[in-house]
Amino acid sequence: MKPFEVDPDIALAKTISTDFYLEAAYFELAKEKIFSRTWHFVGDNDQVKDSGWITPVTLLEKYLDEPLLLSRDDAGELHCISNVCTHRGNLLIERPCKLHDIRCKYHGRRFNLDGKFISMPEFKEVANFPSDEDNLVKLPLFQFGKWLFTSVRKAHSPNDFFGSMMERVGWMPFEEFYYRPELSHDYIVNAHWALYCENYLEGFHIPYVHAGLSNMIDYGQYTTELYRYSNLQIGLARESDAVFEFPTSSPDYGKKVAGYYFWVFPNMMFNFYPWGLSINIVRPIGISKSKVSFLSYVWDESKLRQGAGANLHQVEMEDEDVVEQVQKGIRSRFYRHGRYSVKMEKGTHHFHGLLADFLK
């Protein structure tokens, strides 16, 4: 497979080759080259609120498909550990529960809530036992507000992914954000995961695809800021209602910000609105199929039906329609590359550059 090249000069660059979206080999390669080396959302601390609570999660189900556990030990410390017994590979915990320790129901091997081996029946004669390999693998755990993230291989500092977002919106009272399952939805999109991300990464399409949103956002003032493994799009409101009320310490104090749209490489979106936060996770489930989860955390109930974040479902339907058409279009024998708008497609160019770098 040839390496991908994306010119760092956006004015000269061509978009990444369509081979990336169409060849199964690259879809598989991205598992280890991209997704195993980056940080991923695994839940929030309300799922393990008290000591003794343990919650099973699957990291990127149907893609990385890694069984993990979130646990809080007796000392109140949070852990992210493997959910696979180190004896014969049995899954340990099937549903959220409260425990003093973890016991495998297959042969009785026991572990502390931090993953350390405790005991095993009928193993007195086994030489060099127990060893560190008998502990459950412990993964790095990073917390931003109440939200938890992990990485299969901690190849990069979490600050390189989340630091700019934490600095920009750290004034918000995240402890007051509450998950609202009835406002959260999963969508199946018949398109490659990266095509969905590319659409998110530019506001260029807003006047053409999102008539309702375009009436609320001042397109002429739409901006994109690039960071190492993330970027930020800021939508300013045409009117003064449904905007953030900033503290004077915010760099955006005095601006009519309707929405912050943070993207974190490779597949996470954090959309902050005056009513709260919509976290969007794009999960690859096939070379031309993705599952997009909208997770809603409400801060100010009174602003839920106002402004740029008032009708997320309608905006999603409009995005899905165009992204699925692009998935069909890139199969054409007449299309291999496009070019970038220097002003409006900085985020997409940045994304393609990261894809090319990681795949090398």
Protein backbone atom coordinates (compact mmCIF):
# COMPACT_ATOMS: atom_id res chain seq x y z
CA MET A 1 0.00 0.00 0.00
CA LYS A 2 1.28 3.43 -0.95
CA PRO A 3 1.52 6.10 1.76
CA PHE A 4 -0.92 8.97 1.54
CA GLU A 5 0.43 12.47 0.96
CA VAL A 6 -1.36 15.71 1.85
CA ASP A 7 0.52 18.90 1.09
CA PRO A 8 0.81 21.01 4.27
CA ASP A 9 0.09 24.11 2.17
CA ILE A 10 -3.70 24.11 1.87
CA ALA A 11 -3.53 26.34 -1.21
CA LEU A 12 -1.58 23.63 -3.05
CA ALA A 13 -3.05 20.52 -1.44
CA LYS A 14 -5.36 17.90 -2.89
CA THR A 15 -7.74 15.92 -0.70
CA ILE A 16 -6.70 12.46 0.46
CA SER A 17 -7.05 9.73 -2.17
CA THR A 18 -10.40 7.93 -2.40
CA ASP A 19 -8.49 4.68 -1.82
CA PHE A 20 -8.68 5.50 1.89
CA TYR A 21 -12.49 5.25 1.89
CA LEU A 22 -12.89 2.40 -0.59
CA GLU A 23 -10.20 -0.19 0.12
CA ALA A 24 -10.86 -2.62 2.98
CA ALA A 25 -7.13 -2.85 3.75
CA TYR A 26 -7.06 0.79 4.89
CA PHE A 27 -10.20 0.33 6.98
CA GLU A 28 -8.44 -2.48 8.85
CA LEU A 29 -5.10 -0.67 9.02
CA ALA A 30 -6.75 2.31 10.73
CA LYS A 31 -7.64 0.12 13.73
CA GLU A 32 -4.03 -0.15 14.88
CA LYS A 33 -2.48 2.87 13.18
CA ILE A 34 -5.13 5.41 14.21
CA PHE A 35 -7.76 4.19 16.67
CA SER A 36 -5.56 2.14 19.02
CA ARG A 37 -3.15 5.09 19.36
CA THR A 38 -5.69 7.80 20.17
CA TRP A 39 -8.09 8.63 23.02
CA HIS A 40 -11.72 7.52 23.15
CA PHE A 41 -14.85 8.30 25.15
CA VAL A 42 -15.84 5.50 27.56
CA GLY A 43 -18.50 7.13 29.72
CA ASP A 44 -18.90 9.53 32.62
CA ASN A 45 -18.25 9.37 36.34
CA ASP A 46 -21.98 9.06 37.12
CA GLN A 47 -21.70 5.47 35.87
CA VAL A 48 -19.31 4.68 38.74
CA LYS A 49 -20.44 7.28 41.23
CA ASP A 50 -19.84 5.37 44.46
CA SER A 51 -17.10 3.10 45.76
CA GLY A 52 -17.66 -0.49 44.67
CA TRP A 53 -19.47 0.35 41.45
CA ILE A 54 -18.25 -1.34 38.29
CA THR A 55 -19.61 -0.82 34.77
CA PRO A 56 -18.72 -2.82 31.63
CA VAL A 57 -18.13 -0.88 28.41
CA THR A 58 -17.08 -1.96 24.93
CA LEU A 59 -14.57 0.34 23.28
CA LEU A 60 -15.76 1.07 19.72
CA GLU A 61 -18.11 -1.90 19.44
CA LYS A 62 -17.89 -3.74 16.09
CA TYR A 63 -14.52 -2.11 15.32
CA LEU A 64 -11.90 -2.17 18.08
CA ASP A 65 -14.46 -4.20 20.07
CA GLU A 66 -12.36 -4.11 23.26
CA PRO A 67 -14.20 -5.24 26.46
CA LEU A 68 -13.35 -2.89 29.35
CA LEU A 69 -14.49 -2.09 32.89
CA LEU A 70 -14.89 1.24 34.65
CA SER A 71 -14.56 0.76 38.40
CA ARG A 72 -14.29 2.82 41.56
CA ASP A 73 -12.37 1.12 44.37
CA ASP A 74 -12.91 1.40 48.14
CA ALA A 75 -10.59 4.39 48.27
CA GLY A 76 -12.76 6.19 45.71
CA GLU A 77 -10.20 5.96 42.90
CA LEU A 78 -11.40 5.45 39.32
CA HIS A 79 -9.92 2.72 37.10
CA CYS A 80 -10.25 1.50 33.54
CA ILE A 81 -9.27 -2.17 33.28
CA SER A 82 -9.70 -5.10 30.93
CA ASN A 83 -12.94 -7.08 31.27
CA VAL A 84 -11.20 -10.31 30.19
CA CYS A 85 -10.09 -12.88 32.79
CA THR A 86 -6.36 -13.60 32.63
CA HIS A 87 -6.97 -17.35 33.09
CA ARG A 88 -9.02 -18.46 30.07
CA GLY A 89 -10.32 -15.21 28.56
CA ASN A 90 -13.85 -15.23 29.98
CA LEU A 91 -15.72 -11.93 30.13
CA LEU A 92 -15.92 -11.00 33.81
CA ILE A 93 -18.76 -8.49 34.25
CA GLU A 94 -21.91 -8.42 32.12
CA ARG A 95 -23.86 -5.51 33.61
CA PRO A 96 -23.33 -2.56 36.01
CA CYS A 97 -23.20 -3.72 39.62
CA LYS A 98 -21.72 -3.04 43.06
CA LEU A 99 -19.01 -5.44 44.28
CA HIS A 100 -16.24 -5.83 46.84
CA ASP A 101 -14.07 -7.62 44.29
CA ILE A 102 -14.32 -9.19 40.83
CA ARG A 103 -14.83 -12.96 40.62
CA CYS A 104 -14.76 -14.86 37.35
CA LYS A 105 -17.82 -17.13 37.16
CA TYR A 106 -15.95 -19.64 34.97
CA HIS A 107 -13.24 -20.92 37.38
CA GLY A 108 -13.38 -18.56 40.35
CA ARG A 109 -10.33 -16.33 39.75
CA ARG A 110 -10.64 -13.12 41.82
CA PHE A 111 -9.36 -9.59 41.32
CA ASN A 112 -9.46 -6.32 43.24
CA LEU A 113 -11.44 -3.45 41.74
CA ASP A 114 -8.16 -1.97 40.47
CA GLY A 115 -7.53 -5.18 38.50
CA LYS A 116 -4.88 -6.74 40.76
CA PHE A 117 -4.99 -10.53 41.11
CA ILE A 118 -6.22 -11.85 44.49
CA SER A 119 -6.58 -15.62 44.29
CA MET A 120 -7.23 -18.67 42.12
CA PRO A 121 -8.54 -22.13 43.17
CA GLU A 122 -6.53 -25.29 42.37
CA PHE A 123 -3.36 -23.45 41.35
CA LYS A 124 -0.97 -24.43 44.20
CA GLU A 125 1.23 -26.52 41.94
CA VAL A 126 1.65 -23.88 39.21
CA ALA A 127 5.22 -22.57 39.03
CA ASN A 128 6.03 -18.85 38.99
CA PHE A 129 2.47 -17.97 39.91
CA PRO A 130 1.07 -15.41 40.29
CA SER A 131 2.96 -12.90 38.14
CA ASP A 132 2.12 -9.46 36.77
CA GLU A 133 0.51 -11.17 33.79
CA ASP A 134 -2.21 -12.48 36.10
CA ASN A 135 -3.41 -8.96 36.90
CA LEU A 136 -6.05 -7.44 34.65
CA VAL A 137 -4.52 -5.02 32.17
CA LYS A 138 -4.93 -1.46 33.39
CA LEU A 139 -5.55 1.22 30.77
CA PRO A 140 -4.84 4.94 31.15
CA LEU A 141 -7.87 6.94 32.25
CA PHE A 142 -8.28 10.64 31.57
CA GLN A 143 -11.06 12.80 32.98
CA PHE A 144 -12.33 16.06 31.49
CA GLY A 145 -15.20 17.46 33.56
CA LYS A 146 -17.31 14.39 34.31
CA TRP A 147 -16.36 12.63 31.07
CA LEU A 148 -13.93 9.69 30.92
CA PHE A 149 -11.54 8.70 28.15
CA THR A 150 -9.03 5.92 27.60
CA SER A 151 -6.47 4.74 25.05
CA VAL A 152 -5.53 1.18 24.12
CA ARG A 153 -1.94 2.27 23.65
CA LYS A 154 -1.08 5.57 25.31
CA ALA A 155 0.99 6.84 22.40
CA HIS A 156 0.09 10.52 22.94
CA SER A 157 -0.60 12.80 25.88
CA PRO A 158 -4.31 13.47 26.48
CA ASN A 159 -3.48 17.16 26.82
CA ASP A 160 -2.58 17.22 23.10
CA PHE A 161 -6.16 16.10 22.36
CA PHE A 162 -8.24 17.84 25.03
CA GLY A 163 -6.09 20.65 26.43
CA SER A 164 -7.32 23.42 24.11
CA MET A 165 -10.96 22.52 24.73
CA MET A 166 -10.47 22.39 28.51
CA GLU A 167 -8.81 25.80 28.45
CA ARG A 168 -11.51 27.41 26.30
CA VAL A 169 -14.64 26.16 28.10
CA GLY A 170 -13.23 25.30 31.53
CA TRP A 171 -15.34 28.05 33.09
CA MET A 172 -18.52 26.00 32.56
CA PRO A 173 -19.97 24.23 35.64
CA PHE A 174 -19.59 20.67 34.33
CA GLU A 175 -20.83 19.17 37.59
CA GLU A 176 -24.25 20.63 36.69
CA PHE A 177 -24.39 18.82 33.31
CA TYR A 178 -26.67 15.76 33.47
CA TYR A 179 -27.02 13.01 30.89
CA ARG A 180 -30.48 12.91 29.32
CA PRO A 181 -31.06 9.53 27.62
CA GLU A 182 -34.42 10.61 26.18
CA LEU A 183 -32.62 13.39 24.27
CA SER A 184 -29.82 11.09 23.08
CA HIS A 185 -29.96 9.09 19.86
CA ASP A 186 -28.01 6.65 17.69
CA TYR A 187 -27.93 7.03 13.92
CA ILE A 188 -26.78 4.53 11.30
CA VAL A 189 -25.12 6.36 8.41
CA ASN A 190 -24.34 4.55 5.16
CA ALA A 191 -20.96 6.17 4.73
CA HIS A 192 -17.32 5.78 5.75
CA TRP A 193 -16.61 7.22 9.20
CA ALA A 194 -14.08 9.73 7.85
CA LEU A 195 -16.59 11.19 5.37
CA TYR A 196 -18.91 11.94 8.27
CA CYS A 197 -16.07 13.66 10.15
CA GLU A 198 -15.07 15.71 7.09
CA ASN A 199 -18.59 17.06 6.76
CA TYR A 200 -18.52 18.12 10.41
CA LEU A 201 -15.16 19.84 10.00
CA GLU A 202 -16.28 22.66 7.75
CA GLY A 203 -19.03 25.24 7.90
CA PHE A 204 -18.75 25.72 4.13
CA HIS A 205 -21.87 23.61 3.52
CA ILE A 206 -24.13 25.36 6.06
CA PRO A 207 -25.85 27.80 3.66
CA TYR A 208 -26.45 25.02 1.13
CA VAL A 209 -27.43 22.09 3.37
CA HIS A 210 -28.82 23.61 6.60
CA ALA A 211 -31.38 26.30 5.81
CA GLY A 212 -32.68 26.48 9.38
CA LEU A 213 -29.25 26.63 11.00
CA SER A 214 -28.06 29.16 8.42
CA ASN A 215 -30.78 31.57 9.55
CA MET A 216 -29.34 31.50 13.08
CA ILE A 217 -25.58 31.48 12.36
CA ASP A 218 -23.66 34.44 10.94
CA TYR A 219 -21.88 32.60 8.12
CA GLY A 220 -19.60 35.54 7.36
CA GLN A 221 -18.19 35.38 10.91
CA TYR A 222 -17.77 31.59 11.05
CA THR A 223 -14.22 30.68 12.14
CA THR A 224 -12.00 27.60 12.55
CA GLU A 225 -9.06 27.32 14.95
CA LEU A 226 -6.56 24.46 14.53
CA TYR A 227 -4.70 22.67 17.33
CA ARG A 228 -2.42 19.61 17.40
CA TYR A 229 -5.03 16.81 17.45
CA SER A 230 -8.21 18.87 17.62
CA ASN A 231 -9.86 21.97 16.25
CA LEU A 232 -12.62 24.39 17.09
CA GLN A 233 -15.32 25.93 14.92
CA ILE A 234 -17.18 28.89 16.38
CA GLY A 235 -20.64 29.88 15.20
CA LEU A 236 -21.73 33.41 16.05
CA ALA A 237 -25.44 34.16 16.29
CA ARG A 238 -27.23 36.64 14.02
CA GLU A 239 -29.34 37.77 17.00
CA SER A 240 -28.50 38.26 20.66
CA ASP A 241 -30.74 35.53 22.06
CA ALA A 242 -29.66 31.93 22.72
CA VAL A 243 -26.00 32.82 23.17
CA PHE A 244 -23.48 32.12 25.92
CA GLU A 245 -23.14 34.43 28.90
CA PHE A 246 -19.36 34.55 29.31
CA PRO A 247 -17.30 35.42 32.35
CA THR A 248 -14.94 38.32 31.77
CA SER A 249 -12.00 35.86 31.84
CA SER A 250 -13.18 34.15 28.63
CA PRO A 251 -11.37 35.11 25.39
CA ASP A 252 -14.85 35.21 23.81
CA TYR A 253 -16.31 37.68 26.28
CA GLY A 254 -18.52 40.16 24.42
CA LYS A 255 -19.09 37.85 21.42
CA LYS A 256 -22.48 36.41 20.45
CA VAL A 257 -21.40 32.77 20.41
CA ALA A 258 -24.26 30.39 19.54
CA GLY A 259 -22.15 27.24 19.57
CA TYR A 260 -18.67 25.84 20.10
CA TYR A 261 -17.95 22.88 17.82
CA PHE A 262 -14.88 21.04 19.08
CA TRP A 263 -13.57 18.06 17.12
CA VAL A 264 -11.02 15.66 18.65
CA PHE A 265 -9.10 13.29 16.37
CA PRO A 266 -10.14 10.90 15.07
CA ASN A 267 -13.89 10.59 15.72
CA MET A 268 -15.26 12.73 18.58
CA MET A 269 -17.27 15.95 18.46
CA PHE A 270 -18.12 18.10 21.48
CA ASN A 271 -20.85 20.61 20.67
CA PHE A 272 -21.35 23.15 23.43
CA TYR A 273 -24.57 25.18 23.34
CA PRO A 274 -26.07 27.55 25.92
CA TRP A 275 -28.31 24.63 27.02
CA GLY A 276 -25.43 22.16 27.50
CA LEU A 277 -23.39 19.64 25.51
CA SER A 278 -24.00 17.16 22.71
CA ILE A 279 -21.16 14.65 22.44
CA ASN A 280 -21.12 12.94 19.05
CA ILE A 281 -19.14 9.70 18.69
CA VAL A 282 -18.58 8.28 15.20
CA ARG A 283 -18.08 4.50 15.36
CA PRO A 284 -16.90 2.64 12.24
CA ILE A 285 -18.93 -0.54 11.76
CA GLY A 286 -18.11 -1.19 8.10
CA ILE A 287 -16.14 0.35 5.28
CA SER A 288 -19.27 2.22 4.16
CA LYS A 289 -21.32 2.20 7.36
CA SER A 290 -20.99 4.12 10.62
CA LYS A 291 -22.90 4.45 13.87
CA VAL A 292 -23.13 8.01 15.19
CA SER A 293 -24.18 8.44 18.82
CA PHE A 294 -25.53 11.79 20.04
CA LEU A 295 -25.17 11.96 23.84
CA SER A 296 -26.99 14.93 25.38
CA TYR A 297 -25.90 16.52 28.66
CA VAL A 298 -28.21 19.36 29.73
CA TRP A 299 -27.03 22.32 31.77
CA ASP A 300 -29.81 24.93 31.34
CA GLU A 301 -33.21 23.34 30.62
CA SER A 302 -34.80 26.69 29.78
CA LYS A 303 -32.61 27.08 26.65
CA LEU A 304 -33.14 23.59 25.19
CA ARG A 305 -35.35 24.60 22.24
CA GLN A 306 -33.47 27.74 21.31
CA GLY A 307 -30.67 28.77 18.98
CA ALA A 308 -28.14 26.72 17.03
CA GLY A 309 -28.66 23.61 19.15
CA ALA A 310 -32.46 23.66 19.03
CA ASN A 311 -33.04 20.93 16.42
CA LEU A 312 -30.08 18.58 16.29
CA HIS A 313 -32.13 15.79 14.69
CA GLN A 314 -33.07 17.91 11.68
CA VAL A 315 -29.45 18.98 11.17
CA GLU A 316 -28.34 15.34 11.43
CA MET A 317 -30.84 14.23 8.78
CA GLU A 318 -29.57 16.92 6.42
CA ASP A 319 -25.94 15.92 7.07
CA GLU A 320 -26.66 12.23 6.59
CA ASP A 321 -28.30 12.85 3.25
CA VAL A 322 -25.32 14.68 1.78
CA VAL A 323 -22.67 12.38 3.33
CA GLU A 324 -24.40 9.28 1.95
CA GLN A 325 -24.46 10.90 -1.49
CA VAL A 326 -20.73 11.59 -1.21
CA GLN A 327 -20.16 7.91 -0.32
CA LYS A 328 -21.81 6.98 -3.62
CA GLY A 329 -19.97 9.67 -5.54
CA ILE A 330 -16.44 8.75 -4.50
CA ARG A 331 -16.90 5.33 -6.09
CA SER A 332 -16.88 7.01 -9.48
CA ARG A 333 -13.95 6.11 -11.73
CA PHE A 334 -13.80 9.82 -12.60
CA TYR A 335 -13.09 11.10 -9.07
CA ARG A 336 -9.84 10.68 -7.13
CA HIS A 337 -9.09 14.00 -5.43
CA GLY A 338 -10.62 17.40 -4.76
CA ARG A 339 -9.16 20.76 -3.64
CA TYR A 340 -9.73 22.79 -0.47
CA SER A 341 -11.23 26.20 0.15
CA VAL A 342 -8.39 28.00 1.92
CA LYS A 343 -10.84 30.00 4.03
CA MET A 344 -13.54 27.44 4.82
CA GLU A 345 -11.94 23.96 4.71
CA LYS A 346 -8.97 24.32 7.06
CA GLY A 347 -10.46 21.71 9.39
CA THR A 348 -10.86 19.10 6.65
CA HIS A 349 -7.30 19.72 5.41
CA HIS A 350 -6.01 19.36 8.96
CA PHE A 351 -7.90 16.07 9.36
CA HIS A 352 -6.52 14.64 6.12
CA GLY A 353 -3.00 15.59 7.16
CA LEU A 354 -3.44 13.71 10.45
CA LEU A 355 -4.80 10.64 8.64
CA ALA A 356 -1.79 10.60 6.34
CA ASP A 357 0.66 11.04 9.24
CA PHE A 358 -0.86 8.30 11.39
CA LEU A 359 -1.08 5.82 8.52
CA LYS A 360 2.64 6.22 7.88
